[in-house]
């Protein structure tokens, strides 16, 4: 089992940047595919980005492509989400998730992940 703790959220202005971190403990971090999801008020949770175990493959949702970047440091048991040029529509609770999987697919969605963090709030003010 793995425990996930997100950090780095906050209140920012349009155009600002934030870097979210997700620290993992428990089983070997490098055996997990990692993902970032978000859920805005009144909306369903959606995938933002995901990354394979060795960082060789990544996926970014169209809504964040070119602005957000997912990365991981297996030595530090941490996955990151660098968010630039933030917009009001990026306001949401951001969750990291882990999937115990040898393979990687950019189509992994909510139900495909085994472990979840408690989330960190990101609010973008105009």
N, C-alpha and C. Protein backbone atom coordinates (compact mmCIF):
# COMPACT_ATOMS: atom_id res chain seq x y z
N UNK A 1 0.85 -1.19 0.00
CA UNK A 1 0.00 0.00 0.00
C UNK A 1 0.88 1.24 0.00
N UNK A 2 0.36 2.34 -0.55
CA UNK A 2 1.11 3.59 -0.61
C UNK A 2 0.23 4.70 -0.07
N UNK A 3 0.83 5.61 0.66
CA UNK A 3 0.13 6.80 1.15
C UNK A 3 0.60 8.00 0.35
N UNK A 4 -0.33 8.85 -0.04
CA UNK A 4 -0.04 10.00 -0.89
C UNK A 4 -0.46 11.28 -0.18
N UNK A 5 0.44 12.26 -0.18
CA UNK A 5 0.15 13.54 0.45
C UNK A 5 0.50 14.66 -0.52
N UNK A 6 -0.51 15.42 -0.92
CA UNK A 6 -0.30 16.54 -1.83
C UNK A 6 0.03 17.80 -1.06
N UNK A 7 0.75 18.69 -1.72
CA UNK A 7 1.05 20.01 -1.15
C UNK A 7 1.30 20.99 -2.29
N UNK A 8 1.29 22.27 -1.96
CA UNK A 8 1.63 23.29 -2.94
C UNK A 8 0.47 24.09 -3.48
N UNK A 9 -0.75 23.72 -3.09
CA UNK A 9 -1.89 24.49 -3.56
C UNK A 9 -1.97 25.84 -2.90
N UNK A 10 -2.90 26.66 -3.39
CA UNK A 10 -3.07 27.98 -2.80
C UNK A 10 -3.93 28.88 -3.65
N UNK A 11 -3.97 30.15 -3.26
CA UNK A 11 -4.73 31.18 -3.98
C UNK A 11 -3.75 32.01 -4.80
N UNK A 12 -3.96 32.05 -6.11
CA UNK A 12 -3.07 32.79 -7.00
C UNK A 12 -3.90 33.64 -7.96
N UNK A 13 -3.21 34.50 -8.69
CA UNK A 13 -3.84 35.35 -9.69
C UNK A 13 -3.74 34.71 -11.07
N UNK A 14 -4.60 35.17 -11.95
CA UNK A 14 -4.54 34.71 -13.34
C UNK A 14 -3.14 34.95 -13.89
N UNK A 15 -2.61 33.93 -14.57
CA UNK A 15 -1.28 34.04 -15.16
C UNK A 15 -0.14 33.59 -14.27
N UNK A 16 -0.43 33.38 -13.00
CA UNK A 16 0.60 32.93 -12.06
C UNK A 16 0.93 31.46 -12.27
N UNK A 17 1.94 31.03 -11.52
CA UNK A 17 2.36 29.63 -11.56
C UNK A 17 2.31 29.01 -10.17
N UNK A 18 2.14 27.71 -10.15
CA UNK A 18 2.21 26.93 -8.92
C UNK A 18 2.85 25.59 -9.26
N UNK A 19 3.51 25.01 -8.28
CA UNK A 19 4.00 23.66 -8.43
C UNK A 19 3.42 22.79 -7.32
N UNK A 20 2.64 21.82 -7.72
CA UNK A 20 2.10 20.86 -6.76
C UNK A 20 3.07 19.71 -6.60
N UNK A 21 3.14 19.20 -5.38
CA UNK A 21 3.96 18.03 -5.08
C UNK A 21 3.09 16.96 -4.45
N UNK A 22 3.45 15.74 -4.69
CA UNK A 22 2.76 14.62 -4.08
C UNK A 22 3.83 13.65 -3.57
N UNK A 23 3.93 13.56 -2.26
CA UNK A 23 4.92 12.69 -1.63
C UNK A 23 4.29 11.34 -1.31
N UNK A 24 5.00 10.30 -1.67
CA UNK A 24 4.48 8.95 -1.46
C UNK A 24 5.30 8.21 -0.43
N UNK A 25 4.64 7.42 0.36
CA UNK A 25 5.32 6.55 1.32
C UNK A 25 4.72 5.16 1.19
N UNK A 26 5.41 4.20 1.75
CA UNK A 26 4.91 2.84 1.67
C UNK A 26 5.71 2.03 0.67
N UNK A 27 5.02 1.32 -0.19
CA UNK A 27 5.69 0.48 -1.16
C UNK A 27 6.54 1.30 -2.13
N UNK A 28 7.40 0.63 -2.87
CA UNK A 28 8.33 1.30 -3.77
C UNK A 28 7.60 2.19 -4.76
N UNK A 29 7.92 3.46 -4.70
CA UNK A 29 7.25 4.48 -5.52
C UNK A 29 7.42 4.21 -7.00
N UNK A 30 8.57 3.72 -7.39
CA UNK A 30 8.85 3.54 -8.81
C UNK A 30 8.03 2.44 -9.47
N UNK A 31 7.29 1.69 -8.69
CA UNK A 31 6.45 0.64 -9.27
C UNK A 31 5.06 1.15 -9.64
N UNK A 32 4.81 2.44 -9.40
CA UNK A 32 3.48 3.00 -9.63
C UNK A 32 3.45 3.96 -10.82
N UNK A 33 2.45 3.81 -11.64
CA UNK A 33 2.06 4.88 -12.56
C UNK A 33 1.38 5.95 -11.71
N UNK A 34 1.70 7.21 -11.99
CA UNK A 34 1.15 8.30 -11.19
C UNK A 34 0.30 9.23 -12.05
N UNK A 35 -0.72 9.77 -11.42
CA UNK A 35 -1.60 10.70 -12.13
C UNK A 35 -2.00 11.87 -11.26
N UNK A 36 -2.34 12.96 -11.91
CA UNK A 36 -2.95 14.11 -11.25
C UNK A 36 -4.36 14.27 -11.81
N UNK A 37 -5.29 14.47 -10.91
CA UNK A 37 -6.69 14.70 -11.26
C UNK A 37 -7.14 15.99 -10.60
N UNK A 38 -8.27 16.50 -11.04
CA UNK A 38 -8.85 17.67 -10.38
C UNK A 38 -10.36 17.58 -10.40
N UNK A 39 -10.96 18.23 -9.42
CA UNK A 39 -12.41 18.27 -9.33
C UNK A 39 -12.85 19.67 -8.94
N UNK A 40 -13.57 20.29 -9.84
CA UNK A 40 -14.11 21.62 -9.58
C UNK A 40 -15.50 21.48 -8.97
N UNK A 41 -15.98 22.49 -8.26
CA UNK A 41 -17.31 22.42 -7.64
C UNK A 41 -18.39 22.10 -8.67
N UNK A 42 -19.19 21.09 -8.37
CA UNK A 42 -20.29 20.72 -9.24
C UNK A 42 -19.90 19.92 -10.47
N UNK A 43 -18.63 19.57 -10.55
CA UNK A 43 -18.17 18.82 -11.72
C UNK A 43 -17.56 17.49 -11.30
N UNK A 44 -17.45 16.60 -12.25
CA UNK A 44 -16.83 15.31 -11.98
C UNK A 44 -15.30 15.44 -11.95
N UNK A 45 -14.67 14.50 -11.26
CA UNK A 45 -13.21 14.48 -11.23
C UNK A 45 -12.70 14.14 -12.62
N UNK A 46 -11.67 14.86 -13.05
CA UNK A 46 -11.13 14.65 -14.38
C UNK A 46 -9.62 14.48 -14.33
N UNK A 47 -9.11 13.73 -15.30
CA UNK A 47 -7.67 13.53 -15.39
C UNK A 47 -7.03 14.83 -15.87
N UNK A 48 -5.90 15.15 -15.27
CA UNK A 48 -5.11 16.31 -15.70
C UNK A 48 -3.85 15.84 -16.42
N UNK A 49 -3.15 14.90 -15.80
CA UNK A 49 -1.91 14.41 -16.38
C UNK A 49 -1.55 13.08 -15.73
N UNK A 50 -0.72 12.32 -16.44
CA UNK A 50 -0.23 11.07 -15.87
C UNK A 50 1.18 10.81 -16.40
N UNK A 51 1.88 9.92 -15.69
CA UNK A 51 3.28 9.67 -16.04
C UNK A 51 3.60 8.21 -15.75
N UNK A 52 4.37 7.62 -16.64
CA UNK A 52 4.75 6.23 -16.49
C UNK A 52 5.79 6.07 -15.39
N UNK A 53 6.10 4.83 -15.06
CA UNK A 53 6.96 4.56 -13.91
C UNK A 53 8.35 5.15 -14.06
N UNK A 54 8.87 5.14 -15.28
CA UNK A 54 10.24 5.64 -15.49
C UNK A 54 10.28 7.00 -16.16
N UNK A 55 9.13 7.68 -16.20
CA UNK A 55 8.98 9.01 -16.79
C UNK A 55 9.10 9.00 -18.30
N UNK A 56 9.14 7.82 -18.90
CA UNK A 56 9.32 7.77 -20.34
C UNK A 56 8.10 8.22 -21.13
N UNK A 57 6.94 8.11 -20.52
CA UNK A 57 5.71 8.52 -21.20
C UNK A 57 4.88 9.39 -20.28
N UNK A 58 4.28 10.40 -20.87
CA UNK A 58 3.38 11.27 -20.12
C UNK A 58 2.15 11.56 -20.93
N UNK A 59 1.12 11.98 -20.23
CA UNK A 59 -0.13 12.41 -20.85
C UNK A 59 -0.55 13.71 -20.17
N UNK A 60 -1.04 14.65 -20.97
CA UNK A 60 -1.61 15.89 -20.44
C UNK A 60 -2.94 16.13 -21.14
N UNK A 61 -3.95 16.43 -20.36
CA UNK A 61 -5.26 16.73 -20.93
C UNK A 61 -5.17 17.95 -21.84
N UNK A 62 -6.02 18.00 -22.84
CA UNK A 62 -5.99 19.10 -23.80
C UNK A 62 -6.15 20.45 -23.10
N UNK A 63 -6.93 20.48 -22.04
CA UNK A 63 -7.20 21.74 -21.35
C UNK A 63 -5.98 22.33 -20.67
N UNK A 64 -4.95 21.51 -20.44
CA UNK A 64 -3.75 22.00 -19.75
C UNK A 64 -2.50 21.85 -20.59
N UNK A 65 -2.61 21.26 -21.75
CA UNK A 65 -1.44 21.00 -22.57
C UNK A 65 -0.74 22.32 -22.93
N UNK A 66 0.57 22.32 -22.75
CA UNK A 66 1.34 23.53 -23.01
C UNK A 66 1.45 24.45 -21.80
N UNK A 67 0.64 24.20 -20.77
CA UNK A 67 0.70 25.03 -19.56
C UNK A 67 1.15 24.23 -18.33
N UNK A 68 0.73 22.98 -18.25
CA UNK A 68 1.06 22.13 -17.12
C UNK A 68 2.05 21.06 -17.55
N UNK A 69 2.90 20.66 -16.61
CA UNK A 69 3.87 19.59 -16.88
C UNK A 69 3.96 18.67 -15.68
N UNK A 70 3.77 17.39 -15.94
CA UNK A 70 3.92 16.40 -14.88
C UNK A 70 5.34 15.84 -14.94
N UNK A 71 5.90 15.58 -13.77
CA UNK A 71 7.23 14.97 -13.68
C UNK A 71 7.30 14.18 -12.38
N UNK A 72 8.34 13.39 -12.27
CA UNK A 72 8.50 12.61 -11.04
C UNK A 72 9.97 12.43 -10.73
N UNK A 73 10.24 12.25 -9.47
CA UNK A 73 11.59 11.97 -9.00
C UNK A 73 11.49 10.71 -8.14
N UNK A 74 11.84 9.59 -8.72
CA UNK A 74 11.69 8.33 -8.00
C UNK A 74 12.62 8.24 -6.79
N UNK A 75 13.73 8.94 -6.84
CA UNK A 75 14.66 8.94 -5.69
C UNK A 75 14.05 9.67 -4.49
N UNK A 76 13.13 10.60 -4.78
CA UNK A 76 12.50 11.37 -3.71
C UNK A 76 11.06 10.91 -3.45
N UNK A 77 10.62 9.87 -4.15
CA UNK A 77 9.25 9.37 -3.98
C UNK A 77 8.22 10.48 -4.16
N UNK A 78 8.43 11.30 -5.17
CA UNK A 78 7.57 12.47 -5.35
C UNK A 78 7.20 12.65 -6.82
N UNK A 79 5.95 13.03 -7.04
CA UNK A 79 5.49 13.43 -8.36
C UNK A 79 5.07 14.89 -8.28
N UNK A 80 5.33 15.61 -9.36
CA UNK A 80 5.09 17.05 -9.40
C UNK A 80 4.10 17.40 -10.51
N UNK A 81 3.45 18.53 -10.33
CA UNK A 81 2.66 19.12 -11.40
C UNK A 81 3.00 20.60 -11.44
N UNK A 82 3.77 20.98 -12.44
CA UNK A 82 4.11 22.38 -12.65
C UNK A 82 2.98 23.03 -13.44
N UNK A 83 2.38 24.06 -12.88
CA UNK A 83 1.24 24.71 -13.51
C UNK A 83 1.59 26.16 -13.80
N UNK A 84 1.61 26.50 -15.06
CA UNK A 84 1.92 27.86 -15.50
C UNK A 84 0.70 28.48 -16.18
N UNK A 85 0.72 29.79 -16.30
CA UNK A 85 -0.35 30.53 -16.98
C UNK A 85 -1.72 30.10 -16.47
N UNK A 86 -1.87 30.10 -15.19
CA UNK A 86 -3.11 29.61 -14.59
C UNK A 86 -4.31 30.47 -14.96
N UNK A 87 -5.44 29.80 -15.12
CA UNK A 87 -6.68 30.44 -15.51
C UNK A 87 -7.74 30.19 -14.43
N UNK A 88 -8.78 31.00 -14.38
CA UNK A 88 -9.84 30.76 -13.39
C UNK A 88 -10.45 29.36 -13.50
N UNK A 89 -10.52 28.85 -14.71
CA UNK A 89 -11.10 27.51 -14.90
C UNK A 89 -10.21 26.38 -14.39
N UNK A 90 -9.01 26.71 -13.96
CA UNK A 90 -8.15 25.72 -13.32
C UNK A 90 -8.46 25.57 -11.84
N UNK A 91 -9.34 26.40 -11.32
CA UNK A 91 -9.71 26.31 -9.91
C UNK A 91 -10.37 24.97 -9.62
N UNK A 92 -9.81 24.26 -8.66
CA UNK A 92 -10.31 22.93 -8.34
C UNK A 92 -9.51 22.37 -7.16
N UNK A 93 -9.98 21.25 -6.65
CA UNK A 93 -9.15 20.45 -5.74
C UNK A 93 -8.36 19.48 -6.61
N UNK A 94 -7.05 19.47 -6.40
CA UNK A 94 -6.16 18.63 -7.19
C UNK A 94 -5.75 17.42 -6.36
N UNK A 95 -5.86 16.26 -6.98
CA UNK A 95 -5.54 15.00 -6.32
C UNK A 95 -4.43 14.28 -7.08
N UNK A 96 -3.54 13.65 -6.36
CA UNK A 96 -2.64 12.72 -7.02
C UNK A 96 -3.13 11.31 -6.75
N UNK A 97 -2.77 10.43 -7.66
CA UNK A 97 -3.23 9.05 -7.59
C UNK A 97 -2.13 8.12 -8.07
N UNK A 98 -2.17 6.89 -7.56
CA UNK A 98 -1.16 5.89 -7.92
C UNK A 98 -1.84 4.62 -8.40
N UNK A 99 -1.25 4.06 -9.44
CA UNK A 99 -1.75 2.80 -9.99
C UNK A 99 -0.60 1.81 -10.00
N UNK A 100 -0.82 0.67 -9.37
CA UNK A 100 0.20 -0.37 -9.37
C UNK A 100 0.10 -1.10 -10.70
N UNK A 101 1.08 -0.82 -11.58
CA UNK A 101 0.97 -1.34 -12.94
C UNK A 101 2.33 -1.39 -13.60
N UNK A 102 2.60 -2.48 -14.29
CA UNK A 102 3.82 -2.56 -15.09
C UNK A 102 3.65 -1.74 -16.36
N UNK A 103 2.47 -1.79 -16.91
CA UNK A 103 2.22 -1.09 -18.16
C UNK A 103 1.75 0.34 -17.90
N UNK A 104 1.72 1.12 -18.97
CA UNK A 104 1.23 2.49 -18.88
C UNK A 104 0.29 2.75 -20.04
N UNK A 105 -0.77 3.47 -19.75
CA UNK A 105 -1.66 3.91 -20.81
C UNK A 105 -2.13 5.32 -20.49
N UNK A 106 -2.13 6.19 -21.49
CA UNK A 106 -2.64 7.55 -21.25
C UNK A 106 -4.14 7.57 -21.03
N UNK A 107 -4.80 6.45 -21.24
CA UNK A 107 -6.26 6.41 -21.08
C UNK A 107 -6.70 5.97 -19.70
N UNK A 108 -5.75 5.73 -18.79
CA UNK A 108 -6.14 5.39 -17.43
C UNK A 108 -6.96 6.54 -16.84
N UNK A 109 -8.11 6.20 -16.27
CA UNK A 109 -8.99 7.21 -15.70
C UNK A 109 -9.21 6.92 -14.21
N UNK A 110 -10.14 7.63 -13.61
CA UNK A 110 -10.35 7.56 -12.16
C UNK A 110 -10.34 6.13 -11.62
N UNK A 111 -11.17 5.30 -12.21
CA UNK A 111 -11.35 3.95 -11.69
C UNK A 111 -10.16 3.04 -11.87
N UNK A 112 -9.17 3.50 -12.62
CA UNK A 112 -7.99 2.68 -12.89
C UNK A 112 -6.90 2.86 -11.85
N UNK A 113 -7.06 3.84 -10.98
CA UNK A 113 -6.04 4.13 -9.98
C UNK A 113 -6.42 3.50 -8.64
N UNK A 114 -5.39 3.05 -7.94
CA UNK A 114 -5.61 2.27 -6.72
C UNK A 114 -5.58 3.11 -5.45
N UNK A 115 -4.78 4.15 -5.45
CA UNK A 115 -4.59 4.95 -4.23
C UNK A 115 -4.71 6.43 -4.56
N UNK A 116 -5.25 7.17 -3.59
CA UNK A 116 -5.52 8.59 -3.78
C UNK A 116 -5.04 9.39 -2.59
N UNK A 117 -4.57 10.61 -2.88
CA UNK A 117 -4.31 11.55 -1.80
C UNK A 117 -5.59 12.25 -1.40
N UNK A 118 -5.48 13.14 -0.42
CA UNK A 118 -6.66 13.85 0.09
C UNK A 118 -6.93 15.14 -0.67
N UNK A 119 -6.02 15.56 -1.50
CA UNK A 119 -6.27 16.71 -2.34
C UNK A 119 -5.70 18.00 -1.79
N UNK A 120 -5.43 18.93 -2.70
CA UNK A 120 -4.98 20.27 -2.34
C UNK A 120 -5.74 21.27 -3.19
N UNK A 121 -6.20 22.34 -2.55
CA UNK A 121 -7.05 23.32 -3.25
C UNK A 121 -6.19 24.30 -4.03
N UNK A 122 -6.58 24.50 -5.28
CA UNK A 122 -5.98 25.54 -6.11
C UNK A 122 -7.09 26.50 -6.52
N UNK A 123 -6.91 27.76 -6.21
CA UNK A 123 -7.89 28.78 -6.56
C UNK A 123 -7.19 29.86 -7.37
N UNK A 124 -7.72 30.12 -8.55
CA UNK A 124 -7.15 31.13 -9.43
C UNK A 124 -8.14 32.28 -9.51
N UNK A 125 -7.70 33.42 -9.03
CA UNK A 125 -8.57 34.59 -8.95
C UNK A 125 -8.32 35.53 -10.13
N UNK A 126 -9.41 36.04 -10.67
CA UNK A 126 -9.30 37.01 -11.76
C UNK A 126 -9.40 38.43 -11.22
